[in-house]
Amino acid sequence: MTFKVAVASTDNENINEHFGKAKRFLIYKIKDDGSYEFLENRENNPPCNNGKHEGNIMIDSVDLIEDVSILLVSNVGPGAIDLLISKEIKPYVTSFTIEDGLKEISVLEKELHQNND
């Protein structure tokens, strides 16, 4: 079970960015054995500007990561959650380091898939 994860981070070390304020998403691939690799950095036009949401930019941000299964962020609003889920992207709110977050998601997803089989 290999899958992609998008991470919102300002420092490449911690999951510390709100989805609506993320200027970029770090894309990782988690492999069957739980290991992971960095794939790319995707520049984003953040939809939240000083607390205001700007129209279709939220949709553009979700479309930017539509090929991932999971999003790791420090926070995400209800409107964005609905859009993410409609694209079958699971948002997880956490304050882990990226390394710990990817490890935790790998274990969690493996357990979920085993329980569903």
PDB file of N, CA and C in Angstrom:
ATOM      1  N   MET A   1       0.829  -1.173   0.000  1.00  0.00           N
ATOM      2  CA  MET A   1       0.000   0.000   0.000  1.00  0.00           C
ATOM      3  C   MET A   1       0.883   1.249   0.000  1.00  0.00           C
ATOM      4  N   THR A   2       1.170   1.764  -1.171  1.00  0.00           N
ATOM      5  CA  THR A   2       1.942   2.984  -1.327  1.00  0.00           C
ATOM      6  C   THR A   2       0.980   4.139  -1.545  1.00  0.00           C
ATOM      7  N   PHE A   3       1.228   5.260  -0.899  1.00  0.00           N
ATOM      8  CA  PHE A   3       0.350   6.415  -1.066  1.00  0.00           C
ATOM      9  C   PHE A   3       1.135   7.712  -0.875  1.00  0.00           C
ATOM     10  N   LYS A   4       0.555   8.806  -1.369  1.00  0.00           N
ATOM     11  CA  LYS A   4       1.183  10.118  -1.266  1.00  0.00           C
ATOM     12  C   LYS A   4       0.553  10.927  -0.141  1.00  0.00           C
ATOM     13  N   VAL A   5       1.395  11.764   0.471  1.00  0.00           N
ATOM     14  CA  VAL A   5       0.985  12.637   1.561  1.00  0.00           C
ATOM     15  C   VAL A   5       1.456  14.058   1.248  1.00  0.00           C
ATOM     16  N   ALA A   6       0.595  15.036   1.441  1.00  0.00           N
ATOM     17  CA  ALA A   6       0.971  16.447   1.341  1.00  0.00           C
ATOM     18  C   ALA A   6       1.147  16.989   2.751  1.00  0.00           C
ATOM     19  N   VAL A   7       2.188  17.773   2.954  1.00  0.00           N
ATOM     20  CA  VAL A   7       2.495  18.331   4.268  1.00  0.00           C
ATOM     21  C   VAL A   7       2.586  19.851   4.153  1.00  0.00           C
ATOM     22  N   ALA A   8       1.921  20.551   5.069  1.00  0.00           N
ATOM     23  CA  ALA A   8       2.017  22.011   5.131  1.00  0.00           C
ATOM     24  C   ALA A   8       3.047  22.372   6.197  1.00  0.00           C
ATOM     25  N   SER A   9       4.149  22.962   5.739  1.00  0.00           N
ATOM     26  CA  SER A   9       5.250  23.291   6.642  1.00  0.00           C
ATOM     27  C   SER A   9       5.921  24.586   6.196  1.00  0.00           C
ATOM     28  N   THR A  10       6.314  25.391   7.163  1.00  0.00           N
ATOM     29  CA  THR A  10       7.050  26.615   6.851  1.00  0.00           C
ATOM     30  C   THR A  10       8.554  26.424   6.945  1.00  0.00           C
ATOM     31  N   ASP A  11       8.982  25.321   7.582  1.00  0.00           N
ATOM     32  CA  ASP A  11      10.412  25.154   7.853  1.00  0.00           C
ATOM     33  C   ASP A  11      11.006  23.817   7.390  1.00  0.00           C
ATOM     34  N   ASN A  12      10.243  23.019   6.680  1.00  0.00           N
ATOM     35  CA  ASN A  12      10.698  21.698   6.185  1.00  0.00           C
ATOM     36  C   ASN A  12      11.016  20.704   7.297  1.00  0.00           C
ATOM     37  N   GLU A  13      10.653  21.017   8.525  1.00  0.00           N
ATOM     38  CA  GLU A  13      10.916  20.116   9.647  1.00  0.00           C
ATOM     39  C   GLU A  13       9.654  19.764  10.426  1.00  0.00           C
ATOM     40  N   ASN A  14       8.741  20.715  10.523  1.00  0.00           N
ATOM     41  CA  ASN A  14       7.554  20.550  11.350  1.00  0.00           C
ATOM     42  C   ASN A  14       6.279  20.742  10.546  1.00  0.00           C
ATOM     43  N   ILE A  15       5.225  20.064  10.982  1.00  0.00           N
ATOM     44  CA  ILE A  15       3.895  20.279  10.410  1.00  0.00           C
ATOM     45  C   ILE A  15       3.337  21.462  11.179  1.00  0.00           C
ATOM     46  N   ASN A  16       3.478  22.652  10.597  1.00  0.00           N
ATOM     47  CA  ASN A  16       3.202  23.866  11.372  1.00  0.00           C
ATOM     48  C   ASN A  16       2.465  24.942  10.583  1.00  0.00           C
ATOM     49  N   GLU A  17       1.769  24.554   9.531  1.00  0.00           N
ATOM     50  CA  GLU A  17       1.079  25.550   8.721  1.00  0.00           C
ATOM     51  C   GLU A  17      -0.394  25.205   8.553  1.00  0.00           C
ATOM     52  N   HIS A  18      -1.238  26.216   8.608  1.00  0.00           N
ATOM     53  CA  HIS A  18      -2.678  26.108   8.360  1.00  0.00           C
ATOM     54  C   HIS A  18      -2.877  25.877   6.866  1.00  0.00           C
ATOM     55  N   PHE A  19      -3.808  25.011   6.493  1.00  0.00           N
ATOM     56  CA  PHE A  19      -4.045  24.717   5.084  1.00  0.00           C
ATOM     57  C   PHE A  19      -4.272  25.984   4.269  1.00  0.00           C
ATOM     58  N   GLY A  20      -5.124  26.872   4.761  1.00  0.00           N
ATOM     59  CA  GLY A  20      -5.469  28.080   4.018  1.00  0.00           C
ATOM     60  C   GLY A  20      -4.364  29.105   3.907  1.00  0.00           C
ATOM     61  N   LYS A  21      -3.306  28.946   4.687  1.00  0.00           N
ATOM     62  CA  LYS A  21      -2.185  29.889   4.642  1.00  0.00           C
ATOM     63  C   LYS A  21      -0.925  29.282   4.026  1.00  0.00           C
ATOM     64  N   ALA A  22      -1.012  28.018   3.638  1.00  0.00           N
ATOM     65  CA  ALA A  22       0.167  27.315   3.124  1.00  0.00           C
ATOM     66  C   ALA A  22       0.618  27.872   1.776  1.00  0.00           C
ATOM     67  N   LYS A  23       1.855  28.321   1.727  1.00  0.00           N
ATOM     68  CA  LYS A  23       2.431  28.832   0.488  1.00  0.00           C
ATOM     69  C   LYS A  23       2.993  27.705  -0.374  1.00  0.00           C
ATOM     70  N   ARG A  24       3.091  26.525   0.245  1.00  0.00           N
ATOM     71  CA  ARG A  24       3.592  25.354  -0.487  1.00  0.00           C
ATOM     72  C   ARG A  24       3.214  24.090   0.260  1.00  0.00           C
ATOM     73  N   PHE A  25       3.238  23.002  -0.480  1.00  0.00           N
ATOM     74  CA  PHE A  25       3.011  21.685   0.106  1.00  0.00           C
ATOM     75  C   PHE A  25       4.195  20.800  -0.241  1.00  0.00           C
ATOM     76  N   LEU A  26       4.697  20.101   0.753  1.00  0.00           N
ATOM     77  CA  LEU A  26       5.756  19.119   0.542  1.00  0.00           C
ATOM     78  C   LEU A  26       5.069  17.790   0.276  1.00  0.00           C
ATOM     79  N   ILE A  27       5.443  17.136  -0.810  1.00  0.00           N
ATOM     80  CA  ILE A  27       4.800  15.886  -1.199  1.00  0.00           C
ATOM     81  C   ILE A  27       5.747  14.728  -0.920  1.00  0.00           C
ATOM     82  N   TYR A  28       5.231  13.740  -0.184  1.00  0.00           N
ATOM     83  CA  TYR A  28       5.995  12.550   0.167  1.00  0.00           C
ATOM     84  C   TYR A  28       5.264  11.313  -0.322  1.00  0.00           C
ATOM     85  N   LYS A  29       6.029  10.265  -0.548  1.00  0.00           N
ATOM     86  CA  LYS A  29       5.448   8.961  -0.855  1.00  0.00           C
ATOM     87  C   LYS A  29       5.792   8.035   0.300  1.00  0.00           C
ATOM     88  N   ILE A  30       4.751   7.410   0.866  1.00  0.00           N
ATOM     89  CA  ILE A  30       4.959   6.409   1.916  1.00  0.00           C
ATOM     90  C   ILE A  30       4.845   5.043   1.269  1.00  0.00           C
ATOM     91  N   LYS A  31       5.855   4.214   1.513  1.00  0.00           N
ATOM     92  CA  LYS A  31       5.936   2.892   0.881  1.00  0.00           C
ATOM     93  C   LYS A  31       5.342   1.816   1.784  1.00  0.00           C
ATOM     94  N   ASP A  32       5.156   0.648   1.214  1.00  0.00           N
ATOM     95  CA  ASP A  32       4.574  -0.491   1.930  1.00  0.00           C
ATOM     96  C   ASP A  32       5.292  -0.811   3.233  1.00  0.00           C
ATOM     97  N   ASP A  33       6.614  -0.659   3.244  1.00  0.00           N
ATOM     98  CA  ASP A  33       7.388  -1.012   4.435  1.00  0.00           C
ATOM     99  C   ASP A  33       7.403   0.101   5.489  1.00  0.00           C
ATOM    100  N   GLY A  34       6.679   1.195   5.241  1.00  0.00           N
ATOM    101  CA  GLY A  34       6.618   2.298   6.194  1.00  0.00           C
ATOM    102  C   GLY A  34       7.668   3.367   5.952  1.00  0.00           C
ATOM    103  N   SER A  35       8.613   3.094   5.058  1.00  0.00           N
ATOM    104  CA  SER A  35       9.599   4.117   4.742  1.00  0.00           C
ATOM    105  C   SER A  35       8.942   5.180   3.859  1.00  0.00           C
ATOM    106  N   TYR A  36       9.583   6.309   3.749  1.00  0.00           N
ATOM    107  CA  TYR A  36       9.014   7.378   2.944  1.00  0.00           C
ATOM    108  C   TYR A  36      10.121   8.106   2.195  1.00  0.00           C
ATOM    109  N   GLU A  37       9.711   8.802   1.143  1.00  0.00           N
ATOM    110  CA  GLU A  37      10.665   9.611   0.401  1.00  0.00           C
ATOM    111  C   GLU A  37      10.006  10.919  -0.030  1.00  0.00           C
ATOM    112  N   PHE A  38      10.798  11.967  -0.034  1.00  0.00           N
ATOM    113  CA  PHE A  38      10.340  13.271  -0.494  1.00  0.00           C
ATOM    114  C   PHE A  38      10.266  13.242  -2.017  1.00  0.00           C
ATOM    115  N   LEU A  39       9.149  13.687  -2.573  1.00  0.00           N
ATOM    116  CA  LEU A  39       8.978  13.710  -4.015  1.00  0.00           C
ATOM    117  C   LEU A  39       9.157  15.103  -4.606  1.00  0.00           C
ATOM    118  N   GLU A  40       8.455  16.090  -4.017  1.00  0.00           N
ATOM    119  CA  GLU A  40       8.523  17.422  -4.604  1.00  0.00           C
ATOM    120  C   GLU A  40       7.922  18.478  -3.682  1.00  0.00           C
ATOM    121  N   ASN A  41       8.200  19.712  -4.041  1.00  0.00           N
ATOM    122  CA  ASN A  41       7.648  20.883  -3.390  1.00  0.00           C
ATOM    123  C   ASN A  41       6.672  21.528  -4.374  1.00  0.00           C
ATOM    124  N   ARG A  42       5.419  21.748  -3.962  1.00  0.00           N
ATOM    125  CA  ARG A  42       4.424  22.376  -4.827  1.00  0.00           C
ATOM    126  C   ARG A  42       4.068  23.753  -4.284  1.00  0.00           C
ATOM    127  N   GLU A  43       4.360  24.765  -5.061  1.00  0.00           N
ATOM    128  CA  GLU A  43       4.040  26.136  -4.678  1.00  0.00           C
ATOM    129  C   GLU A  43       2.529  26.345  -4.740  1.00  0.00           C
ATOM    130  N   ASN A  44       1.999  27.079  -3.770  1.00  0.00           N
ATOM    131  CA  ASN A  44       0.563  27.286  -3.643  1.00  0.00           C
ATOM    132  C   ASN A  44       0.259  28.774  -3.487  1.00  0.00           C
ATOM    133  N   ASN A  45      -0.889  29.182  -3.980  1.00  0.00           N
ATOM    134  CA  ASN A  45      -1.408  30.530  -3.751  1.00  0.00           C
ATOM    135  C   ASN A  45      -2.390  30.417  -2.589  1.00  0.00           C
ATOM    136  N   PRO A  46      -1.987  30.800  -1.368  1.00  0.00           N
ATOM    137  CA  PRO A  46      -2.842  30.571  -0.193  1.00  0.00           C
ATOM    138  C   PRO A  46      -4.206  31.250  -0.316  1.00  0.00           C
ATOM    139  N   PRO A  47      -5.269  30.501  -0.027  1.00  0.00           N
ATOM    140  CA  PRO A  47      -6.613  31.063  -0.152  1.00  0.00           C
ATOM    141  C   PRO A  47      -7.032  31.989   0.983  1.00  0.00           C
ATOM    142  N   CYS A  48      -6.370  31.927   2.128  1.00  0.00           N
ATOM    143  CA  CYS A  48      -6.737  32.791   3.251  1.00  0.00           C
ATOM    144  C   CYS A  48      -5.760  33.954   3.317  1.00  0.00           C
ATOM    145  N   ASN A  49      -6.314  35.152   3.247  1.00  0.00           N
ATOM    146  CA  ASN A  49      -5.508  36.360   3.271  1.00  0.00           C
ATOM    147  C   ASN A  49      -6.012  37.238   4.403  1.00  0.00           C
ATOM    148  N   ASN A  50      -5.244  37.285   5.486  1.00  0.00           N
ATOM    149  CA  ASN A  50      -5.641  38.077   6.656  1.00  0.00           C
ATOM    150  C   ASN A  50      -7.036  37.709   7.164  1.00  0.00           C
ATOM    151  N   GLY A  51      -7.311  36.437   7.217  1.00  0.00           N
ATOM    152  CA  GLY A  51      -8.589  35.963   7.744  1.00  0.00           C
ATOM    153  C   GLY A  51      -9.722  35.954   6.739  1.00  0.00           C
ATOM    154  N   LYS A  52      -9.475  36.413   5.525  1.00  0.00           N
ATOM    155  CA  LYS A  52     -10.511  36.432   4.494  1.00  0.00           C
ATOM    156  C   LYS A  52     -10.251  35.314   3.490  1.00  0.00           C
ATOM    157  N   HIS A  53     -11.318  34.631   3.095  1.00  0.00           N
ATOM    158  CA  HIS A  53     -11.193  33.573   2.099  1.00  0.00           C
ATOM    159  C   HIS A  53     -11.437  34.162   0.727  1.00  0.00           C
ATOM    160  N   GLU A  54     -10.596  33.794  -0.211  1.00  0.00           N
ATOM    161  CA  GLU A  54     -10.699  34.328  -1.562  1.00  0.00           C
ATOM    162  C   GLU A  54     -11.239  33.292  -2.524  1.00  0.00           C
ATOM    163  N   GLY A  55     -12.546  33.321  -2.765  1.00  0.00           N
ATOM    164  CA  GLY A  55     -13.253  32.552  -3.778  1.00  0.00           C
ATOM    165  C   GLY A  55     -12.699  31.199  -4.147  1.00  0.00           C
ATOM    166  N   ASN A  56     -12.420  31.034  -5.424  1.00  0.00           N
ATOM    167  CA  ASN A  56     -12.023  29.734  -5.972  1.00  0.00           C
ATOM    168  C   ASN A  56     -10.590  29.349  -5.658  1.00  0.00           C
ATOM    169  N   ILE A  57      -9.848  30.214  -4.989  1.00  0.00           N
ATOM    170  CA  ILE A  57      -8.466  29.875  -4.659  1.00  0.00           C
ATOM    171  C   ILE A  57      -8.426  28.653  -3.743  1.00  0.00           C
ATOM    172  N   MET A  58      -9.434  28.490  -2.879  1.00  0.00           N
ATOM    173  CA  MET A  58      -9.502  27.306  -2.011  1.00  0.00           C
ATOM    174  C   MET A  58      -9.589  26.044  -2.877  1.00  0.00           C
ATOM    175  N   ILE A  59     -10.430  26.091  -3.895  1.00  0.00           N
ATOM    176  CA  ILE A  59     -10.565  24.947  -4.810  1.00  0.00           C
ATOM    177  C   ILE A  59      -9.241  24.699  -5.522  1.00  0.00           C
ATOM    178  N   ASP A  60      -8.562  25.770  -5.933  1.00  0.00           N
ATOM    179  CA  ASP A  60      -7.272  25.625  -6.606  1.00  0.00           C
ATOM    180  C   ASP A  60      -6.254  24.943  -5.697  1.00  0.00           C
ATOM    181  N   SER A  61      -6.259  25.282  -4.411  1.00  0.00           N
ATOM    182  CA  SER A  61      -5.327  24.664  -3.460  1.00  0.00           C
ATOM    183  C   SER A  61      -5.609  23.177  -3.300  1.00  0.00           C
ATOM    184  N   VAL A  62      -6.880  22.818  -3.243  1.00  0.00           N
ATOM    185  CA  VAL A  62      -7.247  21.398  -3.139  1.00  0.00           C
ATOM    186  C   VAL A  62      -6.873  20.675  -4.430  1.00  0.00           C
ATOM    187  N   ASP A  63      -7.144  21.291  -5.573  1.00  0.00           N
ATOM    188  CA  ASP A  63      -6.796  20.678  -6.857  1.00  0.00           C
ATOM    189  C   ASP A  63      -5.288  20.460  -6.993  1.00  0.00           C
ATOM    190  N   LEU A  64      -4.497  21.347  -6.388  1.00  0.00           N
ATOM    191  CA  LEU A  64      -3.045  21.240  -6.446  1.00  0.00           C
ATOM    192  C   LEU A  64      -2.549  19.931  -5.846  1.00  0.00           C
ATOM    193  N   ILE A  65      -3.285  19.416  -4.860  1.00  0.00           N
ATOM    194  CA  ILE A  65      -2.850  18.191  -4.163  1.00  0.00           C
ATOM    195  C   ILE A  65      -3.837  17.036  -4.373  1.00  0.00           C
ATOM    196  N   GLU A  66      -4.628  17.093  -5.434  1.00  0.00           N
ATOM    197  CA  GLU A  66      -5.678  16.087  -5.625  1.00  0.00           C
ATOM    198  C   GLU A  66      -5.157  14.670  -5.828  1.00  0.00           C
ATOM    199  N   ASP A  67      -3.865  14.497  -6.076  1.00  0.00           N
ATOM    200  CA  ASP A  67      -3.300  13.164  -6.272  1.00  0.00           C
ATOM    201  C   ASP A  67      -2.770  12.542  -4.983  1.00  0.00           C
ATOM    202  N   VAL A  68      -2.948  13.225  -3.847  1.00  0.00           N
ATOM    203  CA  VAL A  68      -2.495  12.658  -2.573  1.00  0.00           C
ATOM    204  C   VAL A  68      -3.677  12.030  -1.833  1.00  0.00           C
ATOM    205  N   SER A  69      -3.376  11.150  -0.899  1.00  0.00           N
ATOM    206  CA  SER A  69      -4.414  10.494  -0.094  1.00  0.00           C
ATOM    207  C   SER A  69      -4.628  11.190   1.242  1.00  0.00           C
ATOM    208  N   ILE A  70      -3.556  11.843   1.730  1.00  0.00           N
ATOM    209  CA  ILE A  70      -3.579  12.411   3.079  1.00  0.00           C
ATOM    210  C   ILE A  70      -2.927  13.785   3.066  1.00  0.00           C
ATOM    211  N   LEU A  71      -3.472  14.677   3.892  1.00  0.00           N
ATOM    212  CA  LEU A  71      -2.906  16.004   4.093  1.00  0.00           C
ATOM    213  C   LEU A  71      -2.592  16.165   5.571  1.00  0.00           C
ATOM    214  N   LEU A  72      -1.367  16.552   5.888  1.00  0.00           N
ATOM    215  CA  LEU A  72      -0.967  16.833   7.267  1.00  0.00           C
ATOM    216  C   LEU A  72      -0.797  18.340   7.421  1.00  0.00           C
ATOM    217  N   VAL A  73      -1.574  18.934   8.346  1.00  0.00           N
ATOM    218  CA  VAL A  73      -1.569  20.377   8.562  1.00  0.00           C
ATOM    219  C   VAL A  73      -1.656  20.684  10.053  1.00  0.00           C
ATOM    220  N   SER A  74      -1.372  21.936  10.406  1.00  0.00           N
ATOM    221  CA  SER A  74      -1.536  22.336  11.805  1.00  0.00           C
ATOM    222  C   SER A  74      -2.975  22.747  12.084  1.00  0.00           C
ATOM    223  N   ASN A  75      -3.715  23.130  11.016  1.00  0.00           N
ATOM    224  CA  ASN A  75      -5.118  23.490  11.166  1.00  0.00           C
ATOM    225  C   ASN A  75      -5.756  23.540   9.789  1.00  0.00           C
ATOM    226  N   VAL A  76      -7.080  23.375   9.754  1.00  0.00           N
ATOM    227  CA  VAL A  76      -7.824  23.438   8.497  1.00  0.00           C
ATOM    228  C   VAL A  76      -9.274  23.768   8.834  1.00  0.00           C
ATOM    229  N   GLY A  77      -9.871  24.628   8.027  1.00  0.00           N
ATOM    230  CA  GLY A  77     -11.241  25.045   8.286  1.00  0.00           C
ATOM    231  C   GLY A  77     -12.261  24.058   7.755  1.00  0.00           C
ATOM    232  N   PRO A  78     -13.517  24.180   8.212  1.00  0.00           N
ATOM    233  CA  PRO A  78     -14.563  23.231   7.812  1.00  0.00           C
ATOM    234  C   PRO A  78     -14.863  23.233   6.316  1.00  0.00           C
ATOM    235  N   GLY A  79     -14.809  24.404   5.671  1.00  0.00           N
ATOM    236  CA  GLY A  79     -15.059  24.456   4.226  1.00  0.00           C
ATOM    237  C   GLY A  79     -13.996  23.698   3.457  1.00  0.00           C
ATOM    238  N   ALA A  80     -12.748  23.881   3.871  1.00  0.00           N
ATOM    239  CA  ALA A  80     -11.642  23.169   3.229  1.00  0.00           C
ATOM    240  C   ALA A  80     -11.742  21.673   3.490  1.00  0.00           C
ATOM    241  N   ILE A  81     -12.142  21.289   4.693  1.00  0.00           N
ATOM    242  CA  ILE A  81     -12.306  19.861   5.005  1.00  0.00           C
ATOM    243  C   ILE A  81     -13.306  19.227   4.048  1.00  0.00           C
ATOM    244  N   ASP A  82     -14.422  19.903   3.826  1.00  0.00           N
ATOM    245  CA  ASP A  82     -15.437  19.371   2.905  1.00  0.00           C
ATOM    246  C   ASP A  82     -14.873  19.201   1.500  1.00  0.00           C
ATOM    247  N   LEU A  83     -14.129  20.204   1.016  1.00  0.00           N
ATOM    248  CA  LEU A  83     -13.530  20.100  -0.317  1.00  0.00           C
ATOM    249  C   LEU A  83     -12.509  18.963  -0.393  1.00  0.00           C
ATOM    250  N   LEU A  84     -11.672  18.849   0.634  1.00  0.00           N
ATOM    251  CA  LEU A  84     -10.661  17.791   0.663  1.00  0.00           C
ATOM    252  C   LEU A  84     -11.314  16.414   0.642  1.00  0.00           C
ATOM    253  N   ILE A  85     -12.313  16.223   1.487  1.00  0.00           N
ATOM    254  CA  ILE A  85     -12.990  14.928   1.553  1.00  0.00           C
ATOM    255  C   ILE A  85     -13.681  14.613   0.236  1.00  0.00           C
ATOM    256  N   SER A  86     -14.212  15.638  -0.435  1.00  0.00           N
ATOM    257  CA  SER A  86     -14.864  15.402  -1.737  1.00  0.00           C
ATOM    258  C   SER A  86     -13.869  14.898  -2.781  1.00  0.00           C
ATOM    259  N   LYS A  87     -12.582  15.199  -2.570  1.00  0.00           N
ATOM    260  CA  LYS A  87     -11.519  14.715  -3.469  1.00  0.00           C
ATOM    261  C   LYS A  87     -10.844  13.458  -2.908  1.00  0.00           C
ATOM    262  N   GLU A  88     -11.436  12.903  -1.841  1.00  0.00           N
ATOM    263  CA  GLU A  88     -10.921  11.700  -1.173  1.00  0.00           C
ATOM    264  C   GLU A  88      -9.525  11.904  -0.589  1.00  0.00           C
ATOM    265  N   ILE A  89      -9.312  13.108  -0.050  1.00  0.00           N
ATOM    266  CA  ILE A  89      -8.080  13.427   0.670  1.00  0.00           C
ATOM    267  C   ILE A  89      -8.438  13.528   2.149  1.00  0.00           C
ATOM    268  N   LYS A  90      -7.764  12.731   2.991  1.00  0.00           N
ATOM    269  CA  LYS A  90      -8.020  12.756   4.428  1.00  0.00           C
ATOM    270  C   LYS A  90      -7.150  13.824   5.087  1.00  0.00           C
ATOM    271  N   PRO A  91      -7.757  14.845   5.687  1.00  0.00           N
ATOM    272  CA  PRO A  91      -6.960  15.844   6.403  1.00  0.00           C
ATOM    273  C   PRO A  91      -6.714  15.409   7.851  1.00  0.00           C
ATOM    274  N   TYR A  92      -5.473  15.516   8.273  1.00  0.00           N
ATOM    275  CA  TYR A  92      -5.100  15.232   9.655  1.00  0.00           C
ATOM    276  C   TYR A  92      -4.461  16.489  10.242  1.00  0.00           C
ATOM    277  N   VAL A  93      -4.954  16.908  11.387  1.00  0.00           N
ATOM    278  CA  VAL A  93      -4.413  18.079  12.082  1.00  0.00           C
ATOM    279  C   VAL A  93      -3.461  17.580  13.160  1.00  0.00           C
ATOM    280  N   THR A  94      -2.229  18.082  13.121  1.00  0.00           N
ATOM    281  CA  THR A  94      -1.216  17.640  14.064  1.00  0.00           C
ATOM    282  C   THR A  94      -0.137  18.702  14.202  1.00  0.00           C
ATOM    283  N   SER A  95       0.705  18.553  15.195  1.00  0.00           N
ATOM    284  CA  SER A  95       1.845  19.447  15.377  1.00  0.00           C
ATOM    285  C   SER A  95       3.148  18.649  15.484  1.00  0.00           C
ATOM    286  N   PHE A  96       3.149  17.446  14.940  1.00  0.00           N
ATOM    287  CA  PHE A  96       4.348  16.600  14.933  1.00  0.00           C
ATOM    288  C   PHE A  96       5.436  17.204  14.042  1.00  0.00           C
ATOM    289  N   THR A  97       6.637  16.673  14.192  1.00  0.00           N
ATOM    290  CA  THR A  97       7.640  16.922  13.165  1.00  0.00           C
ATOM    291  C   THR A  97       7.170  16.183  11.915  1.00  0.00           C
ATOM    292  N   ILE A  98       7.683  16.553  10.770  1.00  0.00           N
ATOM    293  CA  ILE A  98       7.287  15.866   9.536  1.00  0.00           C
ATOM    294  C   ILE A  98       7.643  14.394   9.627  1.00  0.00           C
ATOM    295  N   GLU A  99       8.839  14.097  10.107  1.00  0.00           N
ATOM    296  CA  GLU A  99       9.277  12.700  10.220  1.00  0.00           C
ATOM    297  C   GLU A  99       8.325  11.892  11.102  1.00  0.00           C
ATOM    298  N   ASP A 100       7.995  12.413  12.278  1.00  0.00           N
ATOM    299  CA  ASP A 100       7.094  11.696  13.188  1.00  0.00           C
ATOM    300  C   ASP A 100       5.683  11.599  12.605  1.00  0.00           C
ATOM    301  N   GLY A 101       5.227  12.656  11.938  1.00  0.00           N
ATOM    302  CA  GLY A 101       3.904  12.636  11.328  1.00  0.00           C
ATOM    303  C   GLY A 101       3.791  11.580  10.239  1.00  0.00           C
ATOM    304  N   LEU A 102       4.816  11.480   9.395  1.00  0.00           N
ATOM    305  CA  LEU A 102       4.804  10.480   8.323  1.00  0.00           C
ATOM    306  C   LEU A 102       4.844   9.064   8.901  1.00  0.00           C
ATOM    307  N   LYS A 103       5.644   8.863   9.944  1.00  0.00           N
ATOM    308  CA  LYS A 103       5.714   7.546  10.593  1.00  0.00           C
ATOM    309  C   LYS A 103       4.362   7.180  11.202  1.00  0.00           C
ATOM    310  N   GLU A 104       3.746   8.127  11.897  1.00  0.00           N
ATOM    311  CA  GLU A 104       2.450   7.884  12.550  1.00  0.00           C
ATOM    312  C   GLU A 104       1.369   7.569  11.511  1.00  0.00           C
ATOM    313  N   ILE A 105       1.329   8.334  10.416  1.00  0.00           N
ATOM    314  CA  ILE A 105       0.336   8.099   9.360  1.00  0.00           C
ATOM    315  C   ILE A 105       0.549   6.741   8.710  1.00  0.00           C
ATOM    316  N   SER A 106       1.800   6.351   8.526  1.00  0.00           N
ATOM    317  CA  SER A 106       2.101   5.043   7.941  1.00  0.00           C
ATOM    318  C   SER A 106       1.516   3.922   8.791  1.00  0.00           C
ATOM    319  N   VAL A 107       1.717   4.007  10.102  1.00  0.00           N
ATOM    320  CA  VAL A 107       1.198   2.996  11.024  1.00  0.00           C
ATOM    321  C   VAL A 107      -0.331   3.023  11.043  1.00  0.00           C
ATOM    322  N   LEU A 108      -0.896   4.205  11.147  1.00  0.00           N
ATOM    323  CA  LEU A 108      -2.347   4.350  11.215  1.00  0.00           C
ATOM    324  C   LEU A 108      -3.023   3.813   9.954  1.00  0.00           C
ATOM    325  N   GLU A 109      -2.525   4.176   8.799  1.00  0.00           N
ATOM    326  CA  GLU A 109      -3.121   3.719   7.540  1.00  0.00           C
ATOM    327  C   GLU A 109      -2.980   2.211   7.371  1.00  0.00           C
ATOM    328  N   LYS A 110      -1.854   1.664   7.799  1.00  0.00           N
ATOM    329  CA  LYS A 110      -1.654   0.207   7.725  1.00  0.00           C
ATOM    330  C   LYS A 110      -2.688  -0.505   8.598  1.00  0.00           C
ATOM    331  N   GLU A 111      -2.908   0.007   9.814  1.00  0.00           N
ATOM    332  CA  GLU A 111      -3.900  -0.583  10.713  1.00  0.00           C
ATOM    333  C   GLU A 111      -5.307  -0.467  10.136  1.00  0.00           C
ATOM    334  N   LEU A 112      -5.646   0.694   9.561  1.00  0.00           N
ATOM    335  CA  LEU A 112      -6.969   0.885   8.963  1.00  0.00           C
ATOM    336  C   LEU A 112      -7.214  -0.087   7.816  1.00  0.00           C
ATOM    337  N   HIS A 113      -6.199  -0.280   6.972  1.00  0.00           N
ATOM    338  CA  HIS A 113      -6.351  -1.190   5.844  1.00  0.00           C
ATOM    339  C   HIS A 113      -6.444  -2.647   6.288  1.00  0.00           C
ATOM    340  N   GLN A 114      -5.686  -3.011   7.339  1.00  0.00           N
ATOM    341  CA  GLN A 114      -5.769  -4.371   7.859  1.00  0.00           C
ATOM    342  C   GLN A 114      -7.129  -4.652   8.456  1.00  0.00           C
ATOM    343  N   ASN A 115      -7.685  -3.657   9.138  1.00  0.00           N
ATOM    344  CA  ASN A 115      -9.009  -3.828   9.755  1.00  0.00           C
ATOM    345  C   ASN A 115     -10.137  -3.883   8.729  1.00  0.00           C
ATOM    346  N   ASN A 116      -9.921  -3.278   7.569  1.00  0.00           N
ATOM    347  CA  ASN A 116     -10.927  -3.271   6.512  1.00  0.00           C
ATOM    348  C   ASN A 116     -10.855  -4.496   5.603  1.00  0.00           C
ATOM    349  N   ASP A 117      -9.776  -5.238   5.709  1.00  0.00           N
ATOM    350  CA  ASP A 117      -9.621  -6.446   4.849  1.00  0.00           C
ATOM    351  C   ASP A 117     -10.326  -7.655   5.427  1.00  0.00           C
TER     352      ASP A 117
END
